[in-house]
Amino acid sequence: MASTDQSKRRSLFCCYYAQLGDVVEAAWRAGYPAKTMAADGAALLRKSVYRNMTNSYRLALQDNAAALVRTGLERLAFGRSNDAVRLLLVETPPTVQELETLDLFAVSSIKRDKSGGIEVHFFDRLKALAALYEYNGDADGMAAAHALLAALSRDPEKGGE
């Protein structure tokens, strides 16, 4: 039974990682312990079976543009900004390799001012939440419209079927 739970957790990690591209967040959402999230996620990605599973999920998600939009909105609305804050607090600028590992998805722009300071602008979380709410409302509205059309297209003389 424990191996089934582990298998589900690993599959969840791969799915979340395919959506988010963030090892720690994917491990956290999949239910890995906080102390070992990064190590557990990295260990999974070192194994070809889980890299292949992640790629499979990623291909499936890319075929569904609506799922990608929803995922992006969720990341903007609920994602972490730790890496962007870390970027602001470091004494020395990060290397190119270090920059490539940062999750800056929520950052809309980064500017250096005349005095050498750094400005980081984030996407508006409230706008992302509103867009996500509208997106869900549109999905509910579409489902209701399809149900109404199906109900109207039924032949009443055959008992509604």
Protein backbone atom coordinates (compact mmCIF):
# COMPACT_ATOMS: atom_id res chain seq x y z
CA MET A 1 0.00 0.00 0.00
CA ALA A 2 2.83 2.39 0.83
CA SER A 3 4.40 1.85 -2.58
CA THR A 4 1.07 2.82 -4.21
CA ASP A 5 1.04 6.06 -2.22
CA GLN A 6 4.65 6.72 -3.22
CA SER A 7 3.82 6.00 -6.84
CA LYS A 8 0.88 8.45 -6.73
CA ARG A 9 3.05 11.07 -5.05
CA ARG A 10 5.75 10.66 -7.70
CA SER A 11 3.19 10.92 -10.49
CA LEU A 12 1.71 14.04 -8.87
CA PHE A 13 5.18 15.55 -8.60
CA CYS A 14 5.81 14.94 -12.32
CA CYS A 15 2.46 16.47 -13.25
CA TYR A 16 3.00 19.54 -11.08
CA TYR A 17 6.56 19.93 -12.30
CA ALA A 18 5.35 19.75 -15.92
CA GLN A 19 2.87 22.52 -15.15
CA LEU A 20 5.01 24.73 -12.94
CA GLY A 21 8.64 24.10 -13.75
CA ASP A 22 9.47 24.61 -10.06
CA VAL A 23 10.91 21.58 -8.24
CA VAL A 24 10.17 22.82 -4.73
CA GLU A 25 6.61 23.93 -5.47
CA ALA A 26 5.86 20.71 -7.34
CA ALA A 27 7.20 18.63 -4.44
CA TRP A 28 5.25 20.69 -1.92
CA ARG A 29 1.99 20.28 -3.86
CA ALA A 30 2.63 16.55 -4.26
CA GLY A 31 2.94 16.21 -0.48
CA TYR A 32 6.65 15.77 0.13
CA PRO A 33 8.01 16.80 3.55
CA ALA A 34 9.16 20.43 3.78
CA LYS A 35 12.66 19.52 4.93
CA THR A 36 13.35 17.33 1.89
CA MET A 37 11.19 18.82 -0.89
CA ALA A 38 14.03 20.12 -3.04
CA ALA A 39 16.15 17.00 -2.62
CA ASP A 40 13.23 14.63 -3.23
CA GLY A 41 12.18 16.50 -6.37
CA ALA A 42 15.73 16.64 -7.73
CA ALA A 43 16.23 12.93 -7.00
CA LEU A 44 13.12 12.08 -9.02
CA LEU A 45 14.25 14.19 -11.96
CA ARG A 46 17.59 12.38 -12.05
CA LYS A 47 15.73 9.17 -12.97
CA SER A 48 14.81 8.80 -16.63
CA VAL A 49 11.43 7.22 -15.89
CA TYR A 50 10.28 10.37 -14.06
CA ARG A 51 11.81 12.73 -16.61
CA ASN A 52 9.89 10.81 -19.29
CA MET A 53 6.70 10.99 -17.21
CA THR A 54 7.18 14.74 -16.79
CA ASN A 55 7.72 15.17 -20.53
CA SER A 56 4.58 13.14 -21.21
CA TYR A 57 2.54 15.37 -18.90
CA ARG A 58 4.08 18.47 -20.47
CA LEU A 59 3.13 17.31 -23.99
CA ALA A 60 -0.43 16.59 -22.85
CA LEU A 61 -0.72 20.01 -21.24
CA GLN A 62 0.65 21.80 -24.29
CA ASP A 63 -2.11 20.27 -26.39
CA ASN A 64 -4.61 21.98 -24.10
CA ALA A 65 -4.11 25.73 -24.36
CA ALA A 66 -6.86 26.40 -21.80
CA ALA A 67 -4.99 24.32 -19.21
CA LEU A 68 -1.80 26.31 -19.87
CA VAL A 69 -3.64 29.61 -19.44
CA ARG A 70 -5.23 28.42 -16.20
CA THR A 71 -1.87 27.17 -14.91
CA GLY A 72 -0.22 30.49 -15.72
CA LEU A 73 -2.96 32.45 -13.97
CA GLU A 74 -2.71 30.15 -10.93
CA ARG A 75 1.04 30.66 -10.78
CA LEU A 76 0.64 34.44 -10.94
CA ALA A 77 -2.14 34.45 -8.34
CA PHE A 78 -0.73 31.91 -5.89
CA GLY A 79 2.94 31.48 -6.78
CA ARG A 80 5.89 32.30 -4.60
CA SER A 81 8.13 35.32 -5.05
CA ASN A 82 11.02 34.10 -2.86
CA ASP A 83 13.56 34.04 -5.69
CA ALA A 84 12.77 37.61 -6.72
CA VAL A 85 13.15 38.83 -3.14
CA ARG A 86 16.39 36.87 -2.83
CA LEU A 87 17.62 38.63 -5.97
CA LEU A 88 16.99 41.99 -4.32
CA LEU A 89 18.76 41.07 -1.09
CA VAL A 90 22.02 39.61 -2.39
CA GLU A 91 25.15 41.74 -2.07
CA THR A 92 26.77 40.59 -5.31
CA PRO A 93 24.92 40.08 -8.59
CA PRO A 94 24.11 36.43 -9.37
CA THR A 95 25.89 34.61 -12.15
CA VAL A 96 24.11 33.67 -15.36
CA GLN A 97 23.89 30.07 -14.13
CA GLU A 98 22.32 31.21 -10.85
CA LEU A 99 19.83 33.42 -12.71
CA GLU A 100 18.73 30.45 -14.81
CA THR A 101 17.70 28.56 -11.66
CA LEU A 102 15.53 31.37 -10.27
CA ASP A 103 11.75 31.23 -10.56
CA LEU A 104 10.89 34.73 -11.76
CA PHE A 105 7.53 33.86 -13.32
CA ALA A 106 5.67 36.50 -11.29
CA VAL A 107 8.14 39.25 -12.24
CA SER A 108 6.95 41.59 -14.98
CA SER A 109 10.14 43.67 -15.18
CA ILE A 110 13.48 44.31 -13.52
CA LYS A 111 15.20 47.68 -13.82
CA ARG A 112 18.39 49.16 -12.47
CA ASP A 113 17.99 52.82 -11.49
CA LYS A 114 20.61 55.56 -11.88
CA SER A 115 21.88 55.13 -8.32
CA GLY A 116 22.55 51.41 -8.90
CA GLY A 117 19.47 50.14 -7.08
CA ILE A 118 17.24 47.46 -8.51
CA GLU A 119 13.51 47.78 -9.09
CA VAL A 120 11.48 44.61 -9.39
CA HIS A 121 7.92 44.87 -10.66
CA PHE A 122 5.52 41.99 -10.18
CA PHE A 123 2.42 41.06 -12.11
CA ASP A 124 -0.73 42.06 -10.26
CA ARG A 125 -1.99 39.09 -8.22
CA LEU A 126 -5.45 40.60 -7.85
CA LYS A 127 -5.79 40.95 -11.62
CA ALA A 128 -4.64 37.34 -12.01
CA LEU A 129 -7.23 36.23 -9.43
CA ALA A 130 -9.94 38.21 -11.23
CA ALA A 131 -8.92 36.72 -14.58
CA LEU A 132 -8.91 33.24 -13.02
CA TYR A 133 -12.38 33.88 -11.60
CA GLU A 134 -13.64 35.04 -15.00
CA TYR A 135 -11.97 32.05 -16.64
CA ASN A 136 -13.79 29.68 -14.28
CA GLY A 137 -17.04 31.57 -14.82
CA ASP A 138 -16.64 31.22 -18.59
CA ALA A 139 -16.09 27.49 -18.18
CA ASP A 140 -19.21 27.22 -15.99
CA GLY A 141 -21.15 29.35 -18.46
CA MET A 142 -20.09 27.16 -21.36
CA ALA A 143 -21.15 24.02 -19.49
CA ALA A 144 -24.52 25.59 -18.68
CA ALA A 145 -24.98 26.64 -22.31
CA HIS A 146 -24.23 23.12 -23.54
CA ALA A 147 -26.65 21.64 -21.00
CA LEU A 148 -29.37 24.08 -22.08
CA LEU A 149 -28.82 23.30 -25.77
CA ALA A 150 -28.92 19.57 -25.03
CA ALA A 151 -32.16 19.98 -23.07
CA LEU A 152 -33.74 22.09 -25.82
CA SER A 153 -32.75 19.66 -28.53
CA ARG A 154 -34.50 16.70 -26.88
CA ASP A 155 -37.73 15.55 -28.51
CA PRO A 156 -40.55 16.09 -25.95
CA GLU A 157 -42.77 13.49 -27.67
CA LYS A 158 -40.21 10.77 -26.86
CA GLY A 159 -40.25 11.51 -23.17
CA GLY A 160 -37.41 14.07 -23.28
CA GLU A 161 -34.89 11.61 -24.72
